[in-house]
Amino acid sequence: MPKEAVFTMKLEPELRDAFMAEAEASHRPASQVVRELMREFIERQRQAREYDAFLRAKVDTARAQIASGQVASDADVEVRFTARRAALRAQAGGADA
């Protein structure tokens, strides 16, 4: 990929010096390390947006289910899953009963 853009930023001299020393110690040009950091940041931001959208959709679905009356009480859920656990134990031959 051709590198035609220039990125200029201001930072503390101590931070710049420490960064340049670490880049040199890793035997890589500072610009390569900065590009890596930028790519990682972009990917983390993309993943965060995707997760937020996923979570928002889950919440919207749950709210719609509640609004339409598709809810179960805690007691109902406990009864159902107690029966499921019993059935699974029976299938497994009563192990860990």
PDB file of N, CA and C in Angstrom:
ATOM      1  N   MET A   1       0.848  -1.166   0.000  1.00  0.00           N
ATOM      2  CA  MET A   1       0.000   0.000   0.000  1.00  0.00           C
ATOM      3  C   MET A   1       0.901   1.239   0.000  1.00  0.00           C
ATOM      4  N   PRO A   2       0.693   2.146  -0.950  1.00  0.00           N
ATOM      5  CA  PRO A   2       1.549   3.335  -0.992  1.00  0.00           C
ATOM      6  C   PRO A   2       1.308   4.239   0.218  1.00  0.00           C
ATOM      7  N   LYS A   3       2.374   4.819   0.698  1.00  0.00           N
ATOM      8  CA  LYS A   3       2.285   5.685   1.880  1.00  0.00           C
ATOM      9  C   LYS A   3       2.438   7.122   1.409  1.00  0.00           C
ATOM     10  N   GLU A   4       1.312   7.799   1.244  1.00  0.00           N
ATOM     11  CA  GLU A   4       1.343   9.145   0.709  1.00  0.00           C
ATOM     12  C   GLU A   4       0.908  10.202   1.702  1.00  0.00           C
ATOM     13  N   ALA A   5       0.264   9.814   2.808  1.00  0.00           N
ATOM     14  CA  ALA A   5      -0.227  10.775   3.785  1.00  0.00           C
ATOM     15  C   ALA A   5       0.821  11.004   4.866  1.00  0.00           C
ATOM     16  N   VAL A   6       0.852  12.221   5.366  1.00  0.00           N
ATOM     17  CA  VAL A   6       1.753  12.569   6.455  1.00  0.00           C
ATOM     18  C   VAL A   6       0.893  12.862   7.672  1.00  0.00           C
ATOM     19  N   PHE A   7       1.303  12.326   8.819  1.00  0.00           N
ATOM     20  CA  PHE A   7       0.568  12.493  10.064  1.00  0.00           C
ATOM     21  C   PHE A   7       1.503  13.176  11.051  1.00  0.00           C
ATOM     22  N   THR A   8       1.122  14.360  11.501  1.00  0.00           N
ATOM     23  CA  THR A   8       1.951  15.115  12.435  1.00  0.00           C
ATOM     24  C   THR A   8       1.181  15.256  13.733  1.00  0.00           C
ATOM     25  N   MET A   9       1.880  15.069  14.853  1.00  0.00           N
ATOM     26  CA  MET A   9       1.208  15.221  16.139  1.00  0.00           C
ATOM     27  C   MET A   9       2.176  15.803  17.155  1.00  0.00           C
ATOM     28  N   LYS A  10       1.589  16.438  18.169  1.00  0.00           N
ATOM     29  CA  LYS A  10       2.402  16.986  19.253  1.00  0.00           C
ATOM     30  C   LYS A  10       2.301  16.048  20.442  1.00  0.00           C
ATOM     31  N   LEU A  11       3.430  15.823  21.094  1.00  0.00           N
ATOM     32  CA  LEU A  11       3.437  15.011  22.299  1.00  0.00           C
ATOM     33  C   LEU A  11       4.614  15.412  23.167  1.00  0.00           C
ATOM     34  N   GLU A  12       4.583  14.926  24.376  1.00  0.00           N
ATOM     35  CA  GLU A  12       5.645  15.257  25.326  1.00  0.00           C
ATOM     36  C   GLU A  12       6.975  14.667  24.843  1.00  0.00           C
ATOM     37  N   PRO A  13       8.049  15.418  25.010  1.00  0.00           N
ATOM     38  CA  PRO A  13       9.363  14.915  24.575  1.00  0.00           C
ATOM     39  C   PRO A  13       9.742  13.591  25.242  1.00  0.00           C
ATOM     40  N   GLU A  14       9.376  13.428  26.519  1.00  0.00           N
ATOM     41  CA  GLU A  14       9.712  12.190  27.226  1.00  0.00           C
ATOM     42  C   GLU A  14       8.996  10.997  26.598  1.00  0.00           C
ATOM     43  N   LEU A  15       7.724  11.201  26.233  1.00  0.00           N
ATOM     44  CA  LEU A  15       6.954  10.127  25.611  1.00  0.00           C
ATOM     45  C   LEU A  15       7.561   9.776  24.257  1.00  0.00           C
ATOM     46  N   ARG A  16       7.899  10.796  23.468  1.00  0.00           N
ATOM     47  CA  ARG A  16       8.513  10.555  22.162  1.00  0.00           C
ATOM     48  C   ARG A  16       9.825   9.804  22.307  1.00  0.00           C
ATOM     49  N   ASP A  17      10.669  10.247  23.236  1.00  0.00           N
ATOM     50  CA  ASP A  17      11.970   9.601  23.421  1.00  0.00           C
ATOM     51  C   ASP A  17      11.814   8.144  23.856  1.00  0.00           C
ATOM     52  N   ALA A  18      10.906   7.886  24.794  1.00  0.00           N
ATOM     53  CA  ALA A  18      10.680   6.513  25.266  1.00  0.00           C
ATOM     54  C   ALA A  18      10.139   5.653  24.136  1.00  0.00           C
ATOM     55  N   PHE A  19       9.212   6.209  23.340  1.00  0.00           N
ATOM     56  CA  PHE A  19       8.644   5.459  22.216  1.00  0.00           C
ATOM     57  C   PHE A  19       9.718   5.134  21.183  1.00  0.00           C
ATOM     58  N   MET A  20      10.506   6.115  20.829  1.00  0.00           N
ATOM     59  CA  MET A  20      11.559   5.902  19.830  1.00  0.00           C
ATOM     60  C   MET A  20      12.561   4.854  20.328  1.00  0.00           C
ATOM     61  N   ALA A  21      12.888   4.887  21.615  1.00  0.00           N
ATOM     62  CA  ALA A  21      13.828   3.915  22.168  1.00  0.00           C
ATOM     63  C   ALA A  21      13.242   2.506  22.094  1.00  0.00           C
ATOM     64  N   GLU A  22      11.957   2.358  22.420  1.00  0.00           N
ATOM     65  CA  GLU A  22      11.324   1.039  22.369  1.00  0.00           C
ATOM     66  C   GLU A  22      11.187   0.538  20.931  1.00  0.00           C
ATOM     67  N   ALA A  23      10.876   1.427  20.016  1.00  0.00           N
ATOM     68  CA  ALA A  23      10.790   1.034  18.605  1.00  0.00           C
ATOM     69  C   ALA A  23      12.153   0.554  18.120  1.00  0.00           C
ATOM     70  N   GLU A  24      13.179   1.279  18.485  1.00  0.00           N
ATOM     71  CA  GLU A  24      14.535   0.887  18.085  1.00  0.00           C
ATOM     72  C   GLU A  24      14.924  -0.444  18.729  1.00  0.00           C
ATOM     73  N   ALA A  25      14.553  -0.638  19.993  1.00  0.00           N
ATOM     74  CA  ALA A  25      14.885  -1.884  20.688  1.00  0.00           C
ATOM     75  C   ALA A  25      14.180  -3.077  20.048  1.00  0.00           C
ATOM     76  N   SER A  26      13.030  -2.825  19.428  1.00  0.00           N
ATOM     77  CA  SER A  26      12.311  -3.917  18.755  1.00  0.00           C
ATOM     78  C   SER A  26      12.737  -4.062  17.300  1.00  0.00           C
ATOM     79  N   HIS A  27      13.730  -3.273  16.904  1.00  0.00           N
ATOM     80  CA  HIS A  27      14.292  -3.334  15.543  1.00  0.00           C
ATOM     81  C   HIS A  27      13.237  -3.063  14.474  1.00  0.00           C
ATOM     82  N   ARG A  28      12.365  -2.093  14.775  1.00  0.00           N
ATOM     83  CA  ARG A  28      11.347  -1.700  13.791  1.00  0.00           C
ATOM     84  C   ARG A  28      11.300  -0.191  13.713  1.00  0.00           C
ATOM     85  N   PRO A  29      11.018   0.345  12.543  1.00  0.00           N
ATOM     86  CA  PRO A  29      10.877   1.800  12.430  1.00  0.00           C
ATOM     87  C   PRO A  29       9.671   2.288  13.236  1.00  0.00           C
ATOM     88  N   ALA A  30       9.805   3.450  13.815  1.00  0.00           N
ATOM     89  CA  ALA A  30       8.721   4.019  14.614  1.00  0.00           C
ATOM     90  C   ALA A  30       7.444   4.136  13.786  1.00  0.00           C
ATOM     91  N   SER A  31       7.564   4.469  12.517  1.00  0.00           N
ATOM     92  CA  SER A  31       6.372   4.621  11.671  1.00  0.00           C
ATOM     93  C   SER A  31       5.634   3.294  11.525  1.00  0.00           C
ATOM     94  N   GLN A  32       6.355   2.200  11.474  1.00  0.00           N
ATOM     95  CA  GLN A  32       5.723   0.888  11.377  1.00  0.00           C
ATOM     96  C   GLN A  32       4.950   0.580  12.666  1.00  0.00           C
ATOM     97  N   VAL A  33       5.544   0.901  13.808  1.00  0.00           N
ATOM     98  CA  VAL A  33       4.875   0.666  15.089  1.00  0.00           C
ATOM     99  C   VAL A  33       3.620   1.524  15.184  1.00  0.00           C
ATOM    100  N   VAL A  34       3.709   2.777  14.761  1.00  0.00           N
ATOM    101  CA  VAL A  34       2.543   3.668  14.812  1.00  0.00           C
ATOM    102  C   VAL A  34       1.438   3.141  13.895  1.00  0.00           C
ATOM    103  N   ARG A  35       1.785   2.670  12.714  1.00  0.00           N
ATOM    104  CA  ARG A  35       0.771   2.100  11.814  1.00  0.00           C
ATOM    105  C   ARG A  35       0.090   0.897  12.460  1.00  0.00           C
ATOM    106  N   GLU A  36       0.891   0.048  13.122  1.00  0.00           N
ATOM    107  CA  GLU A  36       0.326  -1.108  13.824  1.00  0.00           C
ATOM    108  C   GLU A  36      -0.650  -0.665  14.908  1.00  0.00           C
ATOM    109  N   LEU A  37      -0.227   0.312  15.695  1.00  0.00           N
ATOM    110  CA  LEU A  37      -1.093   0.825  16.760  1.00  0.00           C
ATOM    111  C   LEU A  37      -2.392   1.398  16.193  1.00  0.00           C
ATOM    112  N   MET A  38      -2.286   2.108  15.088  1.00  0.00           N
ATOM    113  CA  MET A  38      -3.477   2.674  14.446  1.00  0.00           C
ATOM    114  C   MET A  38      -4.419   1.570  13.978  1.00  0.00           C
ATOM    115  N   ARG A  39      -3.857   0.546  13.340  1.00  0.00           N
ATOM    116  CA  ARG A  39      -4.692  -0.567  12.860  1.00  0.00           C
ATOM    117  C   ARG A  39      -5.383  -1.278  14.028  1.00  0.00           C
ATOM    118  N   GLU A  40      -4.634  -1.496  15.118  1.00  0.00           N
ATOM    119  CA  GLU A  40      -5.228  -2.132  16.298  1.00  0.00           C
ATOM    120  C   GLU A  40      -6.340  -1.277  16.882  1.00  0.00           C
ATOM    121  N   PHE A  41      -6.130   0.020  16.944  1.00  0.00           N
ATOM    122  CA  PHE A  41      -7.153   0.935  17.454  1.00  0.00           C
ATOM    123  C   PHE A  41      -8.398   0.893  16.583  1.00  0.00           C
ATOM    124  N   ILE A  42      -8.206   0.935  15.277  1.00  0.00           N
ATOM    125  CA  ILE A  42      -9.334   0.884  14.338  1.00  0.00           C
ATOM    126  C   ILE A  42     -10.121  -0.404  14.534  1.00  0.00           C
ATOM    127  N   GLU A  43      -9.427  -1.523  14.662  1.00  0.00           N
ATOM    128  CA  GLU A  43     -10.095  -2.816  14.843  1.00  0.00           C
ATOM    129  C   GLU A  43     -10.859  -2.867  16.164  1.00  0.00           C
ATOM    130  N   ARG A  44     -10.242  -2.369  17.233  1.00  0.00           N
ATOM    131  CA  ARG A  44     -10.934  -2.353  18.539  1.00  0.00           C
ATOM    132  C   ARG A  44     -12.193  -1.489  18.471  1.00  0.00           C
ATOM    133  N   GLN A  45     -12.108  -0.356  17.808  1.00  0.00           N
ATOM    134  CA  GLN A  45     -13.271   0.524  17.686  1.00  0.00           C
ATOM    135  C   GLN A  45     -14.369  -0.151  16.872  1.00  0.00           C
ATOM    136  N   ARG A  46     -13.996  -0.832  15.785  1.00  0.00           N
ATOM    137  CA  ARG A  46     -14.977  -1.535  14.956  1.00  0.00           C
ATOM    138  C   ARG A  46     -15.665  -2.617  15.765  1.00  0.00           C
ATOM    139  N   GLN A  47     -14.879  -3.391  16.517  1.00  0.00           N
ATOM    140  CA  GLN A  47     -15.455  -4.453  17.340  1.00  0.00           C
ATOM    141  C   GLN A  47     -16.377  -3.886  18.410  1.00  0.00           C
ATOM    142  N   ALA A  48     -15.991  -2.778  19.008  1.00  0.00           N
ATOM    143  CA  ALA A  48     -16.835  -2.145  20.032  1.00  0.00           C
ATOM    144  C   ALA A  48     -18.162  -1.691  19.427  1.00  0.00           C
ATOM    145  N   ARG A  49     -18.118  -1.107  18.229  1.00  0.00           N
ATOM    146  CA  ARG A  49     -19.360  -0.675  17.563  1.00  0.00           C
ATOM    147  C   ARG A  49     -20.242  -1.871  17.241  1.00  0.00           C
ATOM    148  N   GLU A  50     -19.632  -2.953  16.740  1.00  0.00           N
ATOM    149  CA  GLU A  50     -20.407  -4.150  16.422  1.00  0.00           C
ATOM    150  C   GLU A  50     -21.043  -4.741  17.668  1.00  0.00           C
ATOM    151  N   TYR A  51     -20.293  -4.781  18.775  1.00  0.00           N
ATOM    152  CA  TYR A  51     -20.841  -5.323  20.012  1.00  0.00           C
ATOM    153  C   TYR A  51     -21.962  -4.439  20.530  1.00  0.00           C
ATOM    154  N   ASP A  52     -21.778  -3.128  20.465  1.00  0.00           N
ATOM    155  CA  ASP A  52     -22.835  -2.217  20.900  1.00  0.00           C
ATOM    156  C   ASP A  52     -24.109  -2.424  20.090  1.00  0.00           C
ATOM    157  N   ALA A  53     -23.968  -2.596  18.778  1.00  0.00           N
ATOM    158  CA  ALA A  53     -25.134  -2.835  17.922  1.00  0.00           C
ATOM    159  C   ALA A  53     -25.794  -4.167  18.278  1.00  0.00           C
ATOM    160  N   PHE A  54     -24.982  -5.200  18.505  1.00  0.00           N
ATOM    161  CA  PHE A  54     -25.502  -6.515  18.905  1.00  0.00           C
ATOM    162  C   PHE A  54     -26.275  -6.398  20.221  1.00  0.00           C
ATOM    163  N   LEU A  55     -25.663  -5.745  21.199  1.00  0.00           N
ATOM    164  CA  LEU A  55     -26.294  -5.605  22.507  1.00  0.00           C
ATOM    165  C   LEU A  55     -27.573  -4.777  22.421  1.00  0.00           C
ATOM    166  N   ARG A  56     -27.533  -3.703  21.645  1.00  0.00           N
ATOM    167  CA  ARG A  56     -28.720  -2.862  21.467  1.00  0.00           C
ATOM    168  C   ARG A  56     -29.860  -3.676  20.861  1.00  0.00           C
ATOM    169  N   ALA A  57     -29.554  -4.526  19.881  1.00  0.00           N
ATOM    170  CA  ALA A  57     -30.574  -5.366  19.259  1.00  0.00           C
ATOM    171  C   ALA A  57     -31.145  -6.354  20.264  1.00  0.00           C
ATOM    172  N   LYS A  58     -30.285  -6.939  21.108  1.00  0.00           N
ATOM    173  CA  LYS A  58     -30.760  -7.875  22.132  1.00  0.00           C
ATOM    174  C   LYS A  58     -31.700  -7.173  23.115  1.00  0.00           C
ATOM    175  N   VAL A  59     -31.328  -5.972  23.536  1.00  0.00           N
ATOM    176  CA  VAL A  59     -32.157  -5.217  24.477  1.00  0.00           C
ATOM    177  C   VAL A  59     -33.487  -4.844  23.821  1.00  0.00           C
ATOM    178  N   ASP A  60     -33.444  -4.402  22.576  1.00  0.00           N
ATOM    179  CA  ASP A  60     -34.677  -4.055  21.867  1.00  0.00           C
ATOM    180  C   ASP A  60     -35.592  -5.262  21.742  1.00  0.00           C
ATOM    181  N   THR A  61     -35.020  -6.430  21.439  1.00  0.00           N
ATOM    182  CA  THR A  61     -35.811  -7.664  21.334  1.00  0.00           C
ATOM    183  C   THR A  61     -36.438  -8.000  22.673  1.00  0.00           C
ATOM    184  N   ALA A  62     -35.661  -7.908  23.739  1.00  0.00           N
ATOM    185  CA  ALA A  62     -36.181  -8.212  25.074  1.00  0.00           C
ATOM    186  C   ALA A  62     -37.296  -7.243  25.460  1.00  0.00           C
ATOM    187  N   ARG A  63     -37.108  -5.979  25.162  1.00  0.00           N
ATOM    188  CA  ARG A  63     -38.151  -4.987  25.491  1.00  0.00           C
ATOM    189  C   ARG A  63     -39.427  -5.263  24.701  1.00  0.00           C
ATOM    190  N   ALA A  64     -39.273  -5.650  23.444  1.00  0.00           N
ATOM    191  CA  ALA A  64     -40.442  -5.962  22.626  1.00  0.00           C
ATOM    192  C   ALA A  64     -41.158  -7.193  23.175  1.00  0.00           C
ATOM    193  N   GLN A  65     -40.401  -8.194  23.615  1.00  0.00           N
ATOM    194  CA  GLN A  65     -41.010  -9.391  24.190  1.00  0.00           C
ATOM    195  C   GLN A  65     -41.759  -9.056  25.479  1.00  0.00           C
ATOM    196  N   ILE A  66     -41.180  -8.221  26.310  1.00  0.00           N
ATOM    197  CA  ILE A  66     -41.847  -7.816  27.543  1.00  0.00           C
ATOM    198  C   ILE A  66     -43.121  -7.050  27.226  1.00  0.00           C
ATOM    199  N   ALA A  67     -43.047  -6.133  26.264  1.00  0.00           N
ATOM    200  CA  ALA A  67     -44.211  -5.332  25.895  1.00  0.00           C
ATOM    201  C   ALA A  67     -45.338  -6.195  25.340  1.00  0.00           C
ATOM    202  N   SER A  68     -44.983  -7.309  24.675  1.00  0.00           N
ATOM    203  CA  SER A  68     -46.012  -8.166  24.087  1.00  0.00           C
ATOM    204  C   SER A  68     -46.475  -9.252  25.059  1.00  0.00           C
ATOM    205  N   GLY A  69     -45.930  -9.244  26.275  1.00  0.00           N
ATOM    206  CA  GLY A  69     -46.364 -10.210  27.271  1.00  0.00           C
ATOM    207  C   GLY A  69     -45.636 -11.537  27.232  1.00  0.00           C
ATOM    208  N   GLN A  70     -44.577 -11.634  26.461  1.00  0.00           N
ATOM    209  CA  GLN A  70     -43.798 -12.882  26.379  1.00  0.00           C
ATOM    210  C   GLN A  70     -42.773 -12.917  27.511  1.00  0.00           C
ATOM    211  N   VAL A  71     -43.273 -13.067  28.727  1.00  0.00           N
ATOM    212  CA  VAL A  71     -42.386 -13.089  29.884  1.00  0.00           C
ATOM    213  C   VAL A  71     -42.683 -14.310  30.738  1.00  0.00           C
ATOM    214  N   ALA A  72     -41.721 -14.706  31.529  1.00  0.00           N
ATOM    215  CA  ALA A  72     -41.907 -15.809  32.477  1.00  0.00           C
ATOM    216  C   ALA A  72     -41.380 -15.344  33.826  1.00  0.00           C
ATOM    217  N   SER A  73     -42.075 -15.728  34.874  1.00  0.00           N
ATOM    218  CA  SER A  73     -41.617 -15.354  36.209  1.00  0.00           C
ATOM    219  C   SER A  73     -40.400 -16.193  36.576  1.00  0.00           C
ATOM    220  N   ASP A  74     -39.695 -15.734  37.582  1.00  0.00           N
ATOM    221  CA  ASP A  74     -38.538 -16.471  38.075  1.00  0.00           C
ATOM    222  C   ASP A  74     -38.956 -17.872  38.517  1.00  0.00           C
ATOM    223  N   ALA A  75     -40.092 -17.970  39.167  1.00  0.00           N
ATOM    224  CA  ALA A  75     -40.576 -19.276  39.640  1.00  0.00           C
ATOM    225  C   ALA A  75     -40.848 -20.215  38.464  1.00  0.00           C
ATOM    226  N   ASP A  76     -41.458 -19.693  37.387  1.00  0.00           N
ATOM    227  CA  ASP A  76     -41.731 -20.515  36.205  1.00  0.00           C
ATOM    228  C   ASP A  76     -40.431 -21.034  35.583  1.00  0.00           C
ATOM    229  N   VAL A  77     -39.458 -20.180  35.499  1.00  0.00           N
ATOM    230  CA  VAL A  77     -38.170 -20.568  34.920  1.00  0.00           C
ATOM    231  C   VAL A  77     -37.504 -21.635  35.786  1.00  0.00           C
ATOM    232  N   GLU A  78     -37.541 -21.458  37.088  1.00  0.00           N
ATOM    233  CA  GLU A  78     -36.959 -22.448  37.999  1.00  0.00           C
ATOM    234  C   GLU A  78     -37.625 -23.804  37.841  1.00  0.00           C
ATOM    235  N   VAL A  79     -38.953 -23.832  37.734  1.00  0.00           N
ATOM    236  CA  VAL A  79     -39.678 -25.094  37.575  1.00  0.00           C
ATOM    237  C   VAL A  79     -39.251 -25.778  36.280  1.00  0.00           C
ATOM    238  N   ARG A  80     -39.204 -25.005  35.179  1.00  0.00           N
ATOM    239  CA  ARG A  80     -38.822 -25.594  33.886  1.00  0.00           C
ATOM    240  C   ARG A  80     -37.412 -26.170  33.910  1.00  0.00           C
ATOM    241  N   PHE A  81     -36.484 -25.411  34.483  1.00  0.00           N
ATOM    242  CA  PHE A  81     -35.100 -25.878  34.455  1.00  0.00           C
ATOM    243  C   PHE A  81     -34.829 -26.970  35.480  1.00  0.00           C
ATOM    244  N   THR A  82     -35.597 -27.016  36.545  1.00  0.00           N
ATOM    245  CA  THR A  82     -35.489 -28.145  37.475  1.00  0.00           C
ATOM    246  C   THR A  82     -35.894 -29.422  36.754  1.00  0.00           C
ATOM    247  N   ALA A  83     -36.953 -29.345  35.958  1.00  0.00           N
ATOM    248  CA  ALA A  83     -37.399 -30.501  35.179  1.00  0.00           C
ATOM    249  C   ALA A  83     -36.351 -30.883  34.131  1.00  0.00           C
ATOM    250  N   ARG A  84     -35.752 -29.885  33.479  1.00  0.00           N
ATOM    251  CA  ARG A  84     -34.714 -30.169  32.476  1.00  0.00           C
ATOM    252  C   ARG A  84     -33.508 -30.859  33.114  1.00  0.00           C
ATOM    253  N   ARG A  85     -33.070 -30.331  34.264  1.00  0.00           N
ATOM    254  CA  ARG A  85     -31.924 -30.938  34.947  1.00  0.00           C
ATOM    255  C   ARG A  85     -32.221 -32.376  35.337  1.00  0.00           C
ATOM    256  N   ALA A  86     -33.439 -32.631  35.825  1.00  0.00           N
ATOM    257  CA  ALA A  86     -33.824 -33.990  36.210  1.00  0.00           C
ATOM    258  C   ALA A  86     -33.812 -34.912  35.000  1.00  0.00           C
ATOM    259  N   ALA A  87     -34.310 -34.436  33.877  1.00  0.00           N
ATOM    260  CA  ALA A  87     -34.337 -35.243  32.659  1.00  0.00           C
ATOM    261  C   ALA A  87     -32.916 -35.550  32.182  1.00  0.00           C
ATOM    262  N   LEU A  88     -32.028 -34.576  32.245  1.00  0.00           N
ATOM    263  CA  LEU A  88     -30.642 -34.793  31.829  1.00  0.00           C
ATOM    264  C   LEU A  88     -29.934 -35.773  32.757  1.00  0.00           C
ATOM    265  N   ARG A  89     -30.208 -35.654  34.049  1.00  0.00           N
ATOM    266  CA  ARG A  89     -29.617 -36.619  34.991  1.00  0.00           C
ATOM    267  C   ARG A  89     -30.107 -38.030  34.704  1.00  0.00           C
ATOM    268  N   ALA A  90     -31.379 -38.136  34.387  1.00  0.00           N
ATOM    269  CA  ALA A  90     -31.948 -39.455  34.088  1.00  0.00           C
ATOM    270  C   ALA A  90     -31.290 -40.022  32.829  1.00  0.00           C
ATOM    271  N   GLN A  91     -31.070 -39.183  31.822  1.00  0.00           N
ATOM    272  CA  GLN A  91     -30.411 -39.628  30.580  1.00  0.00           C
ATOM    273  C   GLN A  91     -28.974 -40.077  30.869  1.00  0.00           C
ATOM    274  N   ALA A  92     -28.326 -39.389  31.799  1.00  0.00           N
ATOM    275  CA  ALA A  92     -26.934 -39.690  32.098  1.00  0.00           C
ATOM    276  C   ALA A  92     -26.811 -40.861  33.076  1.00  0.00           C
ATOM    277  N   GLY A  93     -27.908 -41.457  33.419  1.00  0.00           N
ATOM    278  CA  GLY A  93     -27.873 -42.606  34.305  1.00  0.00           C
ATOM    279  C   GLY A  93     -27.828 -42.251  35.773  1.00  0.00           C
ATOM    280  N   GLY A  94     -28.290 -41.064  36.087  1.00  0.00           N
ATOM    281  CA  GLY A  94     -28.362 -40.677  37.494  1.00  0.00           C
ATOM    282  C   GLY A  94     -27.042 -40.211  38.076  1.00  0.00           C
ATOM    283  N   ALA A  95     -26.019 -40.017  37.236  1.00  0.00           N
ATOM    284  CA  ALA A  95     -24.727 -39.554  37.741  1.00  0.00           C
ATOM    285  C   ALA A  95     -24.854 -38.140  38.277  1.00  0.00           C
ATOM    286  N   ASP A  96     -24.133 -37.852  39.320  1.00  0.00           N
ATOM    287  CA  ASP A  96     -24.125 -36.515  39.964  1.00  0.00           C
ATOM    288  C   ASP A  96     -25.507 -36.095  40.416  1.00  0.00           C
ATOM    289  N   ALA A  97     -26.324 -37.007  40.865  1.00  0.00           N
ATOM    290  CA  ALA A  97     -27.682 -36.672  41.311  1.00  0.00           C
ATOM    291  C   ALA A  97     -27.626 -36.035  42.598  1.00  0.00           C
TER     292      ALA A  97
END
